[in-house]
């Protein structure tokens, strides 16, 4: 949780109340290397802070597999369009 707070402090100030609210709201989540955080047809409802490891964003067509982005330790990961516009 401290890594998340340190990262957010790079973008601006967080008073003690905000830090405490963030610590209550954020839920630590651990997963294996093969975990899919979002599947076709699903709407992204989470923003992930990568404390350890790497997340890869990708999509499949009938012919190929395309990697669209990576997020590493200290970065955030989400399917932005799905999260903001509530689209699968």
PDB file of N, CA and C in Angstrom:
ATOM      1  N   UNK A   1       0.820  -1.189   0.000  1.00  0.00           N
ATOM      2  CA  UNK A   1       0.000   0.000   0.000  1.00  0.00           C
ATOM      3  C   UNK A   1       0.863   1.251   0.000  1.00  0.00           C
ATOM      4  N   UNK A   2       2.007   1.181   0.646  1.00  0.00           N
ATOM      5  CA  UNK A   2       2.886   2.347   0.696  1.00  0.00           C
ATOM      6  C   UNK A   2       3.410   2.705  -0.689  1.00  0.00           C
ATOM      7  N   UNK A   3       3.644   1.711  -1.526  1.00  0.00           N
ATOM      8  CA  UNK A   3       4.114   1.991  -2.888  1.00  0.00           C
ATOM      9  C   UNK A   3       3.054   2.764  -3.663  1.00  0.00           C
ATOM     10  N   UNK A   4       1.790   2.439  -3.467  1.00  0.00           N
ATOM     11  CA  UNK A   4       0.697   3.159  -4.120  1.00  0.00           C
ATOM     12  C   UNK A   4       0.676   4.613  -3.665  1.00  0.00           C
ATOM     13  N   UNK A   5       0.774   4.839  -2.363  1.00  0.00           N
ATOM     14  CA  UNK A   5       0.762   6.206  -1.834  1.00  0.00           C
ATOM     15  C   UNK A   5       1.962   6.984  -2.356  1.00  0.00           C
ATOM     16  N   UNK A   6       3.152   6.374  -2.355  1.00  0.00           N
ATOM     17  CA  UNK A   6       4.352   7.059  -2.875  1.00  0.00           C
ATOM     18  C   UNK A   6       4.176   7.432  -4.339  1.00  0.00           C
ATOM     19  N   UNK A   7       3.583   6.552  -5.120  1.00  0.00           N
ATOM     20  CA  UNK A   7       3.362   6.838  -6.534  1.00  0.00           C
ATOM     21  C   UNK A   7       2.391   7.994  -6.706  1.00  0.00           C
ATOM     22  N   UNK A   8       1.306   7.991  -5.963  1.00  0.00           N
ATOM     23  CA  UNK A   8       0.327   9.076  -6.070  1.00  0.00           C
ATOM     24  C   UNK A   8       0.905  10.413  -5.620  1.00  0.00           C
ATOM     25  N   UNK A   9       1.798  10.388  -4.650  1.00  0.00           N
ATOM     26  CA  UNK A   9       2.409  11.622  -4.173  1.00  0.00           C
ATOM     27  C   UNK A   9       3.310  12.266  -5.236  1.00  0.00           C
ATOM     28  N   UNK A  10       3.726  11.502  -6.231  1.00  0.00           N
ATOM     29  CA  UNK A  10       4.502  12.069  -7.337  1.00  0.00           C
ATOM     30  C   UNK A  10       3.645  13.010  -8.185  1.00  0.00           C
ATOM     31  N   UNK A  11       2.330  12.807  -8.164  1.00  0.00           N
ATOM     32  CA  UNK A  11       1.414  13.603  -8.985  1.00  0.00           C
ATOM     33  C   UNK A  11       0.804  14.777  -8.227  1.00  0.00           C
ATOM     34  N   UNK A  12       0.929  14.792  -6.915  1.00  0.00           N
ATOM     35  CA  UNK A  12       0.350  15.868  -6.126  1.00  0.00           C
ATOM     36  C   UNK A  12       0.322  15.496  -4.660  1.00  0.00           C
ATOM     37  N   UNK A  13      -0.309  16.331  -3.876  1.00  0.00           N
ATOM     38  CA  UNK A  13      -0.358  16.116  -2.437  1.00  0.00           C
ATOM     39  C   UNK A  13      -1.582  15.282  -2.049  1.00  0.00           C
ATOM     40  N   UNK A  14      -1.417  14.512  -0.992  1.00  0.00           N
ATOM     41  CA  UNK A  14      -2.518  13.758  -0.384  1.00  0.00           C
ATOM     42  C   UNK A  14      -2.493  14.061   1.101  1.00  0.00           C
ATOM     43  N   UNK A  15      -3.575  14.631   1.615  1.00  0.00           N
ATOM     44  CA  UNK A  15      -3.596  14.861   3.051  1.00  0.00           C
ATOM     45  C   UNK A  15      -3.811  13.532   3.774  1.00  0.00           C
ATOM     46  N   UNK A  16      -3.659  13.568   5.077  1.00  0.00           N
ATOM     47  CA  UNK A  16      -3.759  12.339   5.874  1.00  0.00           C
ATOM     48  C   UNK A  16      -5.108  11.655   5.697  1.00  0.00           C
ATOM     49  N   UNK A  17      -6.187  12.438   5.655  1.00  0.00           N
ATOM     50  CA  UNK A  17      -7.516  11.860   5.463  1.00  0.00           C
ATOM     51  C   UNK A  17      -7.647  11.125   4.148  1.00  0.00           C
ATOM     52  N   UNK A  18      -7.086  11.700   3.091  1.00  0.00           N
ATOM     53  CA  UNK A  18      -7.121  11.045   1.770  1.00  0.00           C
ATOM     54  C   UNK A  18      -6.309   9.762   1.779  1.00  0.00           C
ATOM     55  N   UNK A  19      -5.153   9.802   2.405  1.00  0.00           N
ATOM     56  CA  UNK A  19      -4.324   8.598   2.486  1.00  0.00           C
ATOM     57  C   UNK A  19      -5.043   7.494   3.247  1.00  0.00           C
ATOM     58  N   UNK A  20      -5.698   7.847   4.337  1.00  0.00           N
ATOM     59  CA  UNK A  20      -6.425   6.848   5.126  1.00  0.00           C
ATOM     60  C   UNK A  20      -7.605   6.286   4.343  1.00  0.00           C
ATOM     61  N   UNK A  21      -8.328   7.143   3.620  1.00  0.00           N
ATOM     62  CA  UNK A  21      -9.454   6.678   2.804  1.00  0.00           C
ATOM     63  C   UNK A  21      -8.963   5.749   1.707  1.00  0.00           C
ATOM     64  N   UNK A  22      -7.840   6.084   1.104  1.00  0.00           N
ATOM     65  CA  UNK A  22      -7.262   5.244   0.058  1.00  0.00           C
ATOM     66  C   UNK A  22      -6.874   3.883   0.611  1.00  0.00           C
ATOM     67  N   UNK A  23      -6.270   3.869   1.768  1.00  0.00           N
ATOM     68  CA  UNK A  23      -5.865   2.604   2.378  1.00  0.00           C
ATOM     69  C   UNK A  23      -7.066   1.728   2.729  1.00  0.00           C
ATOM     70  N   UNK A  24      -8.194   2.345   3.080  1.00  0.00           N
ATOM     71  CA  UNK A  24      -9.417   1.579   3.356  1.00  0.00           C
ATOM     72  C   UNK A  24     -10.051   1.046   2.065  1.00  0.00           C
ATOM     73  N   UNK A  25      -9.987   1.857   1.012  1.00  0.00           N
ATOM     74  CA  UNK A  25     -10.667   1.494  -0.234  1.00  0.00           C
ATOM     75  C   UNK A  25      -9.871   0.515  -1.089  1.00  0.00           C
ATOM     76  N   UNK A  26      -8.556   0.614  -1.055  1.00  0.00           N
ATOM     77  CA  UNK A  26      -7.721  -0.252  -1.894  1.00  0.00           C
ATOM     78  C   UNK A  26      -7.688  -1.659  -1.314  1.00  0.00           C
ATOM     79  N   UNK A  27      -7.832  -2.629  -2.192  1.00  0.00           N
ATOM     80  CA  UNK A  27      -7.847  -4.031  -1.774  1.00  0.00           C
ATOM     81  C   UNK A  27      -6.658  -4.738  -2.422  1.00  0.00           C
ATOM     82  N   UNK A  28      -5.724  -5.239  -1.609  1.00  0.00           N
ATOM     83  CA  UNK A  28      -4.600  -5.981  -2.188  1.00  0.00           C
ATOM     84  C   UNK A  28      -5.115  -7.206  -2.954  1.00  0.00           C
ATOM     85  N   UNK A  29      -4.487  -7.478  -4.079  1.00  0.00           N
ATOM     86  CA  UNK A  29      -4.929  -8.563  -4.952  1.00  0.00           C
ATOM     87  C   UNK A  29      -3.690  -9.242  -5.515  1.00  0.00           C
ATOM     88  N   UNK A  30      -3.571 -10.517  -5.308  1.00  0.00           N
ATOM     89  CA  UNK A  30      -2.455 -11.289  -5.856  1.00  0.00           C
ATOM     90  C   UNK A  30      -3.011 -12.302  -6.839  1.00  0.00           C
ATOM     91  N   UNK A  31      -2.298 -12.501  -7.920  1.00  0.00           N
ATOM     92  CA  UNK A  31      -2.757 -13.472  -8.918  1.00  0.00           C
ATOM     93  C   UNK A  31      -1.571 -14.173  -9.553  1.00  0.00           C
ATOM     94  N   UNK A  32      -1.853 -15.283 -10.195  1.00  0.00           N
ATOM     95  CA  UNK A  32      -0.799 -16.047 -10.857  1.00  0.00           C
ATOM     96  C   UNK A  32      -0.483 -15.432 -12.218  1.00  0.00           C
ATOM     97  N   UNK A  33       0.553 -15.915 -12.823  1.00  0.00           N
ATOM     98  CA  UNK A  33       1.025 -15.369 -14.102  1.00  0.00           C
ATOM     99  C   UNK A  33       0.006 -15.536 -15.228  1.00  0.00           C
ATOM    100  N   UNK A  34      -0.859 -16.500 -15.154  1.00  0.00           N
ATOM    101  CA  UNK A  34      -1.795 -16.760 -16.250  1.00  0.00           C
ATOM    102  C   UNK A  34      -3.195 -16.197 -16.000  1.00  0.00           C
ATOM    103  N   UNK A  35      -3.368 -15.377 -14.980  1.00  0.00           N
ATOM    104  CA  UNK A  35      -4.676 -14.824 -14.647  1.00  0.00           C
ATOM    105  C   UNK A  35      -5.105 -13.787 -15.667  1.00  0.00           C
ATOM    106  N   UNK A  36      -6.342 -13.883 -16.136  1.00  0.00           N
ATOM    107  CA  UNK A  36      -6.923 -12.878 -17.028  1.00  0.00           C
ATOM    108  C   UNK A  36      -7.770 -11.937 -16.179  1.00  0.00           C
ATOM    109  N   UNK A  37      -7.422 -10.662 -16.179  1.00  0.00           N
ATOM    110  CA  UNK A  37      -8.152  -9.680 -15.388  1.00  0.00           C
ATOM    111  C   UNK A  37      -9.397  -9.190 -16.097  1.00  0.00           C
ATOM    112  N   UNK A  38      -9.472  -9.407 -17.385  1.00  0.00           N
ATOM    113  CA  UNK A  38     -10.626  -9.000 -18.184  1.00  0.00           C
ATOM    114  C   UNK A  38     -10.761  -9.972 -19.347  1.00  0.00           C
ATOM    115  N   UNK A  39     -11.981 -10.389 -19.628  1.00  0.00           N
ATOM    116  CA  UNK A  39     -12.235 -11.328 -20.719  1.00  0.00           C
ATOM    117  C   UNK A  39     -13.146 -10.661 -21.744  1.00  0.00           C
ATOM    118  N   UNK A  40     -13.169 -11.173 -22.970  1.00  0.00           N
ATOM    119  CA  UNK A  40     -14.056 -10.601 -23.987  1.00  0.00           C
ATOM    120  C   UNK A  40     -15.503 -10.536 -23.484  1.00  0.00           C
ATOM    121  N   UNK A  41     -16.146  -9.406 -23.734  1.00  0.00           N
ATOM    122  CA  UNK A  41     -17.529  -9.213 -23.326  1.00  0.00           C
ATOM    123  C   UNK A  41     -17.694  -8.621 -21.936  1.00  0.00           C
ATOM    124  N   UNK A  42     -16.630  -8.559 -21.169  1.00  0.00           N
ATOM    125  CA  UNK A  42     -16.694  -8.001 -19.814  1.00  0.00           C
ATOM    126  C   UNK A  42     -16.397  -6.506 -19.839  1.00  0.00           C
ATOM    127  N   UNK A  43     -16.914  -5.792 -18.841  1.00  0.00           N
ATOM    128  CA  UNK A  43     -16.611  -4.374 -18.668  1.00  0.00           C
ATOM    129  C   UNK A  43     -15.580  -4.247 -17.553  1.00  0.00           C
ATOM    130  N   UNK A  44     -14.563  -3.456 -17.804  1.00  0.00           N
ATOM    131  CA  UNK A  44     -13.517  -3.241 -16.794  1.00  0.00           C
ATOM    132  C   UNK A  44     -14.071  -2.395 -15.658  1.00  0.00           C
ATOM    133  N   UNK A  45     -14.039  -2.906 -14.433  1.00  0.00           N
ATOM    134  CA  UNK A  45     -14.548  -2.138 -13.301  1.00  0.00           C
ATOM    135  C   UNK A  45     -13.486  -1.892 -12.239  1.00  0.00           C
ATOM    136  N   UNK A  46     -12.260  -2.223 -12.533  1.00  0.00           N
ATOM    137  CA  UNK A  46     -11.161  -2.049 -11.586  1.00  0.00           C
ATOM    138  C   UNK A  46     -10.012  -1.291 -12.243  1.00  0.00           C
ATOM    139  N   UNK A  47      -9.271  -0.576 -11.410  1.00  0.00           N
ATOM    140  CA  UNK A  47      -7.974  -0.025 -11.799  1.00  0.00           C
ATOM    141  C   UNK A  47      -6.968  -0.719 -10.897  1.00  0.00           C
ATOM    142  N   UNK A  48      -5.934  -1.282 -11.490  1.00  0.00           N
ATOM    143  CA  UNK A  48      -4.949  -2.049 -10.739  1.00  0.00           C
ATOM    144  C   UNK A  48      -3.661  -1.245 -10.609  1.00  0.00           C
ATOM    145  N   UNK A  49      -3.088  -1.249  -9.416  1.00  0.00           N
ATOM    146  CA  UNK A  49      -1.752  -0.705  -9.195  1.00  0.00           C
ATOM    147  C   UNK A  49      -0.816  -1.893  -9.119  1.00  0.00           C
ATOM    148  N   UNK A  50       0.215  -1.890  -9.933  1.00  0.00           N
ATOM    149  CA  UNK A  50       1.125  -3.033 -10.001  1.00  0.00           C
ATOM    150  C   UNK A  50       2.220  -2.841  -8.951  1.00  0.00           C
ATOM    151  N   UNK A  51       2.130  -3.591  -7.871  1.00  0.00           N
ATOM    152  CA  UNK A  51       3.120  -3.522  -6.797  1.00  0.00           C
ATOM    153  C   UNK A  51       4.317  -4.394  -7.131  1.00  0.00           C
ATOM    154  N   UNK A  52       4.042  -5.502  -7.807  1.00  0.00           N
ATOM    155  CA  UNK A  52       5.104  -6.433  -8.174  1.00  0.00           C
ATOM    156  C   UNK A  52       4.698  -7.168  -9.442  1.00  0.00           C
ATOM    157  N   UNK A  53       5.597  -7.253 -10.397  1.00  0.00           N
ATOM    158  CA  UNK A  53       5.336  -7.982 -11.629  1.00  0.00           C
ATOM    159  C   UNK A  53       4.998  -7.084 -12.809  1.00  0.00           C
ATOM    160  N   UNK A  54       4.416  -7.684 -13.824  1.00  0.00           N
ATOM    161  CA  UNK A  54       4.073  -6.997 -15.073  1.00  0.00           C
ATOM    162  C   UNK A  54       2.696  -7.460 -15.527  1.00  0.00           C
ATOM    163  N   UNK A  55       1.920  -6.536 -16.084  1.00  0.00           N
ATOM    164  CA  UNK A  55       0.624  -6.851 -16.676  1.00  0.00           C
ATOM    165  C   UNK A  55       0.711  -6.553 -18.160  1.00  0.00           C
ATOM    166  N   UNK A  56       0.135  -7.418 -18.974  1.00  0.00           N
ATOM    167  CA  UNK A  56       0.136  -7.229 -20.418  1.00  0.00           C
ATOM    168  C   UNK A  56      -1.301  -7.079 -20.904  1.00  0.00           C
ATOM    169  N   UNK A  57      -1.542  -6.042 -21.673  1.00  0.00           N
ATOM    170  CA  UNK A  57      -2.838  -5.872 -22.320  1.00  0.00           C
ATOM    171  C   UNK A  57      -2.740  -6.449 -23.726  1.00  0.00           C
ATOM    172  N   UNK A  58      -3.703  -7.277 -24.093  1.00  0.00           N
ATOM    173  CA  UNK A  58      -3.649  -7.887 -25.423  1.00  0.00           C
ATOM    174  C   UNK A  58      -5.056  -8.180 -25.919  1.00  0.00           C
ATOM    175  N   UNK A  59      -5.159  -8.453 -27.183  1.00  0.00           N
ATOM    176  CA  UNK A  59      -6.432  -8.875 -27.755  1.00  0.00           C
ATOM    177  C   UNK A  59      -6.165  -9.885 -28.857  1.00  0.00           C
ATOM    178  N   UNK A  60      -7.180 -10.652 -29.141  1.00  0.00           N
ATOM    179  CA  UNK A  60      -7.077 -11.718 -30.134  1.00  0.00           C
ATOM    180  C   UNK A  60      -8.019 -11.433 -31.295  1.00  0.00           C
ATOM    181  N   UNK A  61      -7.565 -11.777 -32.476  1.00  0.00           N
ATOM    182  CA  UNK A  61      -8.456 -11.797 -33.627  1.00  0.00           C
ATOM    183  C   UNK A  61      -8.553 -13.259 -34.055  1.00  0.00           C
ATOM    184  N   UNK A  62      -9.265 -13.532 -35.107  1.00  0.00           N
ATOM    185  CA  UNK A  62      -9.351 -14.918 -35.578  1.00  0.00           C
ATOM    186  C   UNK A  62      -8.012 -15.423 -36.081  1.00  0.00           C
ATOM    187  N   UNK A  63      -7.126 -14.500 -36.423  1.00  0.00           N
ATOM    188  CA  UNK A  63      -5.858 -14.877 -37.039  1.00  0.00           C
ATOM    189  C   UNK A  63      -4.644 -14.639 -36.138  1.00  0.00           C
ATOM    190  N   UNK A  64      -4.662 -13.544 -35.346  1.00  0.00           N
ATOM    191  CA  UNK A  64      -3.449 -13.165 -34.624  1.00  0.00           C
ATOM    192  C   UNK A  64      -3.731 -12.734 -33.191  1.00  0.00           C
ATOM    193  N   UNK A  65      -2.659 -12.711 -32.434  1.00  0.00           N
ATOM    194  CA  UNK A  65      -2.650 -12.230 -31.059  1.00  0.00           C
ATOM    195  C   UNK A  65      -1.856 -10.922 -31.049  1.00  0.00           C
ATOM    196  N   UNK A  66      -2.445  -9.838 -30.555  1.00  0.00           N
ATOM    197  CA  UNK A  66      -1.793  -8.536 -30.542  1.00  0.00           C
ATOM    198  C   UNK A  66      -1.588  -8.070 -29.102  1.00  0.00           C
ATOM    199  N   UNK A  67      -0.384  -7.612 -28.793  1.00  0.00           N
ATOM    200  CA  UNK A  67      -0.090  -7.007 -27.496  1.00  0.00           C
ATOM    201  C   UNK A  67      -0.256  -5.505 -27.671  1.00  0.00           C
ATOM    202  N   UNK A  68      -1.089  -4.885 -26.820  1.00  0.00           N
ATOM    203  CA  UNK A  68      -1.350  -3.457 -26.964  1.00  0.00           C
ATOM    204  C   UNK A  68      -0.605  -2.604 -25.944  1.00  0.00           C
ATOM    205  N   UNK A  69      -0.259  -3.149 -24.772  1.00  0.00           N
ATOM    206  CA  UNK A  69       0.485  -2.389 -23.768  1.00  0.00           C
ATOM    207  C   UNK A  69       1.019  -3.304 -22.668  1.00  0.00           C
ATOM    208  N   UNK A  70       1.962  -2.762 -21.917  1.00  0.00           N
ATOM    209  CA  UNK A  70       2.490  -3.405 -20.718  1.00  0.00           C
ATOM    210  C   UNK A  70       2.431  -2.398 -19.574  1.00  0.00           C
ATOM    211  N   UNK A  71       2.228  -2.871 -18.357  1.00  0.00           N
ATOM    212  CA  UNK A  71       2.337  -2.050 -17.148  1.00  0.00           C
ATOM    213  C   UNK A  71       3.242  -2.807 -16.185  1.00  0.00           C
ATOM    214  N   UNK A  72       4.198  -2.097 -15.614  1.00  0.00           N
ATOM    215  CA  UNK A  72       5.178  -2.722 -14.725  1.00  0.00           C
ATOM    216  C   UNK A  72       5.012  -2.182 -13.308  1.00  0.00           C
ATOM    217  N   UNK A  73       5.866  -2.658 -12.420  1.00  0.00           N
ATOM    218  CA  UNK A  73       5.816  -2.252 -11.021  1.00  0.00           C
ATOM    219  C   UNK A  73       5.776  -0.732 -10.887  1.00  0.00           C
ATOM    220  N   UNK A  74       4.869  -0.249 -10.035  1.00  0.00           N
ATOM    221  CA  UNK A  74       4.746   1.179  -9.797  1.00  0.00           C
ATOM    222  C   UNK A  74       3.842   1.891 -10.791  1.00  0.00           C
ATOM    223  N   UNK A  75       3.192   1.141 -11.673  1.00  0.00           N
ATOM    224  CA  UNK A  75       2.296   1.726 -12.673  1.00  0.00           C
ATOM    225  C   UNK A  75       0.872   1.220 -12.451  1.00  0.00           C
ATOM    226  N   UNK A  76      -0.063   1.861 -13.147  1.00  0.00           N
ATOM    227  CA  UNK A  76      -1.465   1.472 -13.078  1.00  0.00           C
ATOM    228  C   UNK A  76      -1.843   0.723 -14.342  1.00  0.00           C
ATOM    229  N   UNK A  77      -2.807  -0.176 -14.213  1.00  0.00           N
ATOM    230  CA  UNK A  77      -3.274  -0.945 -15.362  1.00  0.00           C
ATOM    231  C   UNK A  77      -4.794  -1.023 -15.344  1.00  0.00           C
ATOM    232  N   UNK A  78      -5.399  -0.789 -16.485  1.00  0.00           N
ATOM    233  CA  UNK A  78      -6.831  -0.953 -16.670  1.00  0.00           C
ATOM    234  C   UNK A  78      -7.115  -0.885 -18.163  1.00  0.00           C
ATOM    235  N   UNK A  79      -8.256  -1.361 -18.577  1.00  0.00           N
ATOM    236  CA  UNK A  79      -8.709  -1.172 -19.958  1.00  0.00           C
ATOM    237  C   UNK A  79      -9.435   0.170 -19.962  1.00  0.00           C
ATOM    238  N   UNK A  80      -8.733   1.227 -20.325  1.00  0.00           N
ATOM    239  CA  UNK A  80      -9.200   2.599 -20.134  1.00  0.00           C
ATOM    240  C   UNK A  80     -10.556   2.859 -20.775  1.00  0.00           C
ATOM    241  N   UNK A  81     -10.723   2.506 -22.022  1.00  0.00           N
ATOM    242  CA  UNK A  81     -11.985   2.781 -22.714  1.00  0.00           C
ATOM    243  C   UNK A  81     -13.147   2.032 -22.064  1.00  0.00           C
ATOM    244  N   UNK A  82     -12.923   0.786 -21.730  1.00  0.00           N
ATOM    245  CA  UNK A  82     -13.963  -0.001 -21.074  1.00  0.00           C
ATOM    246  C   UNK A  82     -14.303   0.583 -19.699  1.00  0.00           C
ATOM    247  N   UNK A  83     -13.281   0.980 -18.944  1.00  0.00           N
ATOM    248  CA  UNK A  83     -13.489   1.517 -17.602  1.00  0.00           C
ATOM    249  C   UNK A  83     -14.269   2.835 -17.641  1.00  0.00           C
ATOM    250  N   UNK A  84     -13.862   3.748 -18.505  1.00  0.00           N
ATOM    251  CA  UNK A  84     -14.505   5.070 -18.550  1.00  0.00           C
ATOM    252  C   UNK A  84     -15.879   5.066 -19.196  1.00  0.00           C
ATOM    253  N   UNK A  85     -16.022   4.311 -20.264  1.00  0.00           N
ATOM    254  CA  UNK A  85     -17.272   4.352 -21.030  1.00  0.00           C
ATOM    255  C   UNK A  85     -18.182   3.160 -20.773  1.00  0.00           C
ATOM    256  N   UNK A  86     -17.741   2.269 -19.838  1.00  0.00           N
ATOM    257  CA  UNK A  86     -18.538   1.092 -19.473  1.00  0.00           C
ATOM    258  C   UNK A  86     -18.866   0.217 -20.672  1.00  0.00           C
ATOM    259  N   UNK A  87     -17.880   0.047 -21.552  1.00  0.00           N
ATOM    260  CA  UNK A  87     -18.043  -0.765 -22.763  1.00  0.00           C
ATOM    261  C   UNK A  87     -17.262  -2.064 -22.629  1.00  0.00           C
ATOM    262  N   UNK A  88     -17.814  -3.172 -23.072  1.00  0.00           N
ATOM    263  CA  UNK A  88     -17.038  -4.411 -23.092  1.00  0.00           C
ATOM    264  C   UNK A  88     -15.859  -4.313 -24.068  1.00  0.00           C
TER     265      UNK A  88
END
